[in-house]
Amino acid sequence: MLRRLHLHSTHKTIPAPRLTSLFFLFLSLSNHGNFVKAHVFIYAGCSQEKYEPNSPFEGNHNSLLSSIFSSSSQASYNSFAIGNGSSTPPEGICYGLYQCRGDLRTADCSRCIESAVNQISLVCPYSYGAALQLEGCFVRYEHIDFLGRLDTSLRYKKCSRSVNNDVEFFKRRDDVLADLTVAMGFKVSSSGSVEGYAQCLGDLSSSDCSACLAAAVAQLKNLCGSAAAADVYLGQCYARYWASGYYDRSSGSEKGWEETI
């Protein structure tokens, strides 16, 4: 049975395809032109269900976040099931993962994850499930096992102003997007004046990653049309493209961008 999301940015409701309802919060991207601004906030989502202080879940949740931060100094992706296989009741088990963007150095990855871990508890206090996406990394946890389960539902999109009657741009864009659909993990692509990159979460199989990226690219075309630059984040992957130099030409307020979920 579908639950509903309240979009704090638009005050509208839409059906959510997952069992855990998420309230999505959005802030505008700032200084997007800096490719490695890993800490910039993209979106966050929190479950409606809350856990009690001092409950078994709280202890496992805290252990999970600590494990995520510790692991990020060694690896760009990891997943965890804290309390699984122990005497912990099912509602006390905490599943989670993190992932950094594939081009980040280990030190930058760890700093990004530290920021995400600190923010997720502030944005989603006592939530049984939460996800937080920064420019350079992603953290998610749940009290149900979501690991390895394909999710292509739309989480966030951002479309720039349109480019009209530029046949060469659209050809180059389509070349980049076609290349991104065959990414395994993280991939950067460019064609002429257009650049882009895409990434799947590390818990996906190769076939599910391909399916997710195909869905993300289709959303980019359907939702952002003739945009000079666009971002789409789905449940387990994201894709982005832009005209070379576009972010350098954008103002600090990035006028002309449209952000929705």
Protein backbone atom coordinates (compact mmCIF):
# COMPACT_ATOMS: atom_id res chain seq x y z
CA MET A 1 0.00 0.00 0.00
CA LEU A 2 1.45 3.33 -1.02
CA ARG A 3 2.07 6.02 1.50
CA ARG A 4 2.41 9.69 0.68
CA LEU A 5 5.23 12.17 0.84
CA HIS A 6 5.01 15.76 1.91
CA LEU A 7 7.34 17.87 -0.19
CA HIS A 8 8.48 20.66 2.06
CA SER A 9 9.70 22.69 -0.89
CA THR A 10 6.42 22.67 -2.82
CA HIS A 11 3.76 21.76 -0.24
CA LYS A 12 2.34 19.08 -2.53
CA THR A 13 1.89 15.36 -2.00
CA ILE A 14 2.91 12.51 -4.28
CA PRO A 15 2.69 8.71 -3.90
CA ALA A 16 5.82 6.97 -2.64
CA PRO A 17 6.66 3.54 -4.01
CA ARG A 18 8.54 2.21 -0.98
CA LEU A 19 7.26 0.87 2.31
CA THR A 20 9.17 3.45 4.30
CA SER A 21 7.78 6.95 3.81
CA LEU A 22 10.32 9.69 3.38
CA PHE A 23 9.88 13.38 3.94
CA PHE A 24 12.13 15.10 1.45
CA LEU A 25 13.90 18.32 2.30
CA PHE A 26 15.64 20.33 -0.32
CA LEU A 27 18.20 23.09 -0.30
CA SER A 28 19.61 24.81 -3.36
CA LEU A 29 23.03 23.75 -4.56
CA SER A 30 25.61 26.49 -4.08
CA ASN A 31 28.92 27.01 -5.86
CA HIS A 32 28.13 24.10 -8.17
CA GLY A 33 31.01 25.01 -10.43
CA ASN A 34 33.50 23.50 -8.00
CA PHE A 35 33.51 19.83 -9.01
CA VAL A 36 34.83 18.64 -5.66
CA LYS A 37 32.52 20.58 -3.31
CA ALA A 38 31.64 17.30 -1.73
CA HIS A 39 29.78 18.72 1.29
CA VAL A 40 27.06 20.58 -0.68
CA PHE A 41 23.59 19.38 0.35
CA ILE A 42 21.35 17.79 -2.31
CA TYR A 43 18.43 16.18 -0.47
CA ALA A 44 17.43 14.26 2.65
CA GLY A 45 14.53 11.98 3.48
CA CYS A 46 13.22 10.80 6.85
CA SER A 47 10.74 8.06 7.78
CA GLN A 48 7.54 8.96 9.58
CA GLU A 49 8.16 6.14 12.04
CA LYS A 50 10.20 7.09 15.10
CA TYR A 51 12.16 4.94 17.53
CA GLU A 52 12.22 5.41 21.28
CA PRO A 53 15.29 6.75 23.10
CA ASN A 54 17.37 3.99 24.72
CA SER A 55 15.70 1.35 22.52
CA PRO A 56 17.69 -1.53 20.94
CA PHE A 57 17.40 0.24 17.59
CA GLU A 58 19.00 3.42 18.92
CA GLY A 59 22.08 1.53 20.08
CA ASN A 60 22.43 -0.25 16.74
CA HIS A 61 21.75 2.97 14.85
CA ASN A 62 24.56 4.71 16.70
CA SER A 63 26.88 1.76 16.07
CA LEU A 64 25.99 1.85 12.38
CA LEU A 65 26.81 5.54 11.97
CA SER A 66 30.09 5.03 13.82
CA SER A 67 30.95 2.07 11.57
CA ILE A 68 30.10 4.09 8.46
CA PHE A 69 32.43 6.90 9.47
CA SER A 70 35.26 4.53 10.43
CA SER A 71 34.95 2.56 7.20
CA SER A 72 34.99 5.69 5.02
CA SER A 73 38.67 6.24 5.82
CA GLN A 74 39.42 2.90 4.13
CA ALA A 75 36.82 2.39 1.39
CA SER A 76 34.50 4.50 -0.75
CA TYR A 77 31.56 2.11 -0.24
CA ASN A 78 30.37 -0.31 2.43
CA SER A 79 27.14 -1.79 3.77
CA PHE A 80 26.19 -3.03 7.22
CA ALA A 81 23.57 -4.98 9.14
CA ILE A 82 23.98 -4.12 12.83
CA GLY A 83 22.25 -6.51 15.23
CA ASN A 84 21.50 -9.11 12.58
CA GLY A 85 22.18 -12.65 13.76
CA SER A 86 22.13 -11.68 17.43
CA SER A 87 19.49 -11.74 20.15
CA THR A 88 18.33 -8.29 19.01
CA PRO A 89 14.59 -8.25 18.18
CA PRO A 90 13.84 -7.73 14.45
CA GLU A 91 12.72 -4.15 15.02
CA GLY A 92 16.12 -3.40 16.58
CA ILE A 93 18.23 -4.37 13.55
CA CYS A 94 19.70 -1.45 11.61
CA TYR A 95 20.70 -1.83 7.96
CA GLY A 96 22.73 0.84 6.24
CA LEU A 97 25.25 1.84 3.64
CA TYR A 98 27.34 4.74 2.47
CA GLN A 99 29.01 5.62 -0.79
CA CYS A 100 31.30 8.37 -2.01
CA ARG A 101 31.46 9.75 -5.52
CA GLY A 102 33.95 7.73 -7.49
CA ASP A 103 36.41 10.54 -8.18
CA LEU A 104 36.92 11.58 -4.53
CA ARG A 105 40.18 10.89 -2.77
CA THR A 106 39.92 8.78 0.38
CA ALA A 107 40.48 11.78 2.64
CA ASP A 108 37.78 13.79 0.87
CA CYS A 109 35.44 10.82 1.02
CA SER A 110 35.93 10.49 4.76
CA ARG A 111 35.31 14.21 5.31
CA CYS A 112 32.14 14.06 3.21
CA ILE A 113 30.84 11.04 5.13
CA GLU A 114 31.63 12.72 8.43
CA SER A 115 29.49 15.68 7.34
CA ALA A 116 26.67 13.41 6.14
CA VAL A 117 26.65 11.35 9.36
CA ASN A 118 26.52 14.51 11.45
CA GLN A 119 23.68 15.96 9.39
CA ILE A 120 21.47 12.88 9.07
CA SER A 121 20.74 12.69 12.80
CA LEU A 122 20.00 16.42 12.93
CA VAL A 123 17.72 16.36 9.90
CA CYS A 124 15.99 13.08 10.84
CA PRO A 125 16.02 12.76 14.66
CA TYR A 126 14.79 9.39 15.98
CA SER A 127 13.75 8.26 12.49
CA TYR A 128 13.60 4.53 11.76
CA GLY A 129 14.84 5.26 8.26
CA ALA A 130 16.73 8.12 6.64
CA ALA A 131 18.75 8.98 3.54
CA LEU A 132 20.98 11.98 2.95
CA GLN A 133 22.69 12.92 -0.30
CA LEU A 134 25.53 15.40 -0.44
CA GLU A 135 27.35 16.43 -3.60
CA GLY A 136 30.10 13.93 -2.91
CA CYS A 137 28.55 11.16 -0.85
CA PHE A 138 25.40 9.35 0.28
CA VAL A 139 24.30 7.74 3.55
CA ARG A 140 21.18 5.66 4.19
CA TYR A 141 19.86 3.46 6.99
CA GLU A 142 16.61 1.56 7.62
CA HIS A 143 15.12 -0.87 10.11
CA ILE A 144 14.14 -3.12 7.19
CA ASP A 145 16.60 -4.80 4.83
CA PHE A 146 16.80 -2.72 1.64
CA LEU A 147 20.30 -3.75 0.60
CA GLY A 148 20.62 -4.95 -2.98
CA ARG A 149 16.98 -4.26 -3.85
CA LEU A 150 16.57 -2.21 -7.01
CA ASP A 151 14.86 1.14 -6.50
CA THR A 152 14.46 3.46 -9.50
CA SER A 153 12.01 5.88 -7.89
CA LEU A 154 12.78 9.57 -8.38
CA ARG A 155 14.36 11.31 -5.41
CA TYR A 156 15.47 14.64 -6.88
CA LYS A 157 15.84 16.44 -10.17
CA LYS A 158 17.36 19.74 -11.20
CA CYS A 159 17.03 21.26 -14.69
CA SER A 160 18.73 24.38 -16.03
CA ARG A 161 17.46 26.84 -18.61
CA SER A 162 16.73 25.38 -22.05
CA VAL A 163 19.01 25.31 -25.06
CA ASN A 164 16.92 25.94 -28.17
CA ASN A 165 17.66 24.81 -31.72
CA ASP A 166 21.19 23.61 -30.95
CA VAL A 167 21.34 20.38 -32.93
CA GLU A 168 25.03 19.81 -32.21
CA PHE A 169 24.50 20.17 -28.45
CA PHE A 170 21.70 17.61 -28.40
CA LYS A 171 23.74 15.15 -30.46
CA ARG A 172 26.67 15.49 -28.06
CA ARG A 173 24.38 15.26 -25.03
CA ASP A 174 22.78 12.07 -26.32
CA ASP A 175 26.25 10.58 -26.96
CA VAL A 176 27.24 11.31 -23.36
CA LEU A 177 24.02 9.92 -21.91
CA ALA A 178 24.29 6.76 -24.01
CA ASP A 179 27.82 6.26 -22.70
CA LEU A 180 26.69 6.77 -19.10
CA THR A 181 24.06 4.03 -19.33
CA VAL A 182 26.83 1.41 -19.53
CA ALA A 183 28.62 2.67 -16.42
CA MET A 184 29.58 0.06 -13.84
CA GLY A 185 29.99 1.98 -10.61
CA PHE A 186 31.22 5.52 -11.42
CA LYS A 187 31.79 6.81 -14.94
CA VAL A 188 32.73 10.17 -16.46
CA SER A 189 31.99 10.87 -20.13
CA SER A 190 32.40 13.74 -22.55
CA SER A 191 31.58 14.49 -26.17
CA GLY A 192 32.48 17.81 -27.72
CA SER A 193 31.04 20.55 -25.51
CA VAL A 194 29.05 18.22 -23.24
CA GLU A 195 30.28 16.43 -20.12
CA GLY A 196 28.59 14.14 -17.64
CA TYR A 197 28.95 11.45 -15.02
CA ALA A 198 26.87 8.73 -13.40
CA GLN A 199 27.10 6.29 -10.53
CA CYS A 200 25.22 3.33 -9.04
CA LEU A 201 25.22 2.32 -5.40
CA GLY A 202 27.62 -0.48 -4.67
CA ASP A 203 24.94 -2.91 -3.48
CA LEU A 204 23.49 -3.29 -7.00
CA SER A 205 24.28 -6.12 -9.37
CA SER A 206 25.59 -5.23 -12.84
CA SER A 207 22.19 -5.83 -14.42
CA ASP A 208 20.35 -3.76 -11.80
CA CYS A 209 22.91 -0.97 -12.16
CA SER A 210 22.28 -0.91 -15.92
CA ALA A 211 18.53 -0.82 -15.34
CA CYS A 212 18.84 2.02 -12.84
CA LEU A 213 21.08 4.13 -15.09
CA ALA A 214 18.79 3.57 -18.08
CA ALA A 215 15.91 4.84 -15.95
CA ALA A 216 17.96 7.86 -14.77
CA VAL A 217 18.92 8.82 -18.34
CA ALA A 218 15.30 8.47 -19.46
CA GLN A 219 14.25 10.76 -16.61
CA LEU A 220 16.88 13.33 -17.59
CA LYS A 221 15.46 13.48 -21.10
CA ASN A 222 11.80 13.35 -20.10
CA LEU A 223 11.91 15.75 -17.16
CA CYS A 224 14.58 18.20 -18.27
CA GLY A 225 14.05 18.15 -22.04
CA SER A 226 16.34 20.67 -23.68
CA ALA A 227 18.15 21.82 -20.52
CA ALA A 228 21.77 22.87 -20.87
CA ALA A 229 22.52 21.02 -17.63
CA ALA A 230 20.54 18.55 -15.54
CA ASP A 231 20.79 16.25 -12.52
CA VAL A 232 18.57 13.26 -11.67
CA TYR A 233 18.88 11.20 -8.50
CA LEU A 234 16.98 7.92 -8.26
CA GLY A 235 16.82 5.59 -5.30
CA GLN A 236 20.06 3.78 -6.17
CA CYS A 237 21.81 5.75 -8.88
CA TYR A 238 22.19 9.20 -10.37
CA ALA A 239 23.20 10.81 -13.63
CA ARG A 240 24.22 14.34 -14.58
CA TYR A 241 25.27 16.22 -17.70
CA TRP A 242 26.20 19.81 -18.49
CA ALA A 243 27.45 22.00 -21.32
CA SER A 244 31.16 22.67 -20.85
CA GLY A 245 31.64 25.88 -18.89
CA TYR A 246 27.95 26.08 -17.98
CA TYR A 247 28.51 26.15 -14.23
CA ASP A 248 31.27 28.72 -14.63
CA ARG A 249 28.82 31.02 -16.43
CA SER A 250 26.04 30.49 -13.87
CA SER A 251 25.46 33.14 -11.25
CA GLY A 252 25.82 32.37 -7.55
CA SER A 253 22.05 32.07 -7.25
CA GLU A 254 21.93 29.84 -10.35
CA LYS A 255 18.97 31.59 -11.92
CA GLY A 256 17.18 29.54 -14.52
CA TRP A 257 17.39 26.28 -12.58
CA GLU A 258 14.27 24.33 -11.68
CA GLU A 259 14.41 21.92 -8.73
CA THR A 260 11.67 19.41 -7.94
CA ILE A 261 11.12 15.83 -6.82
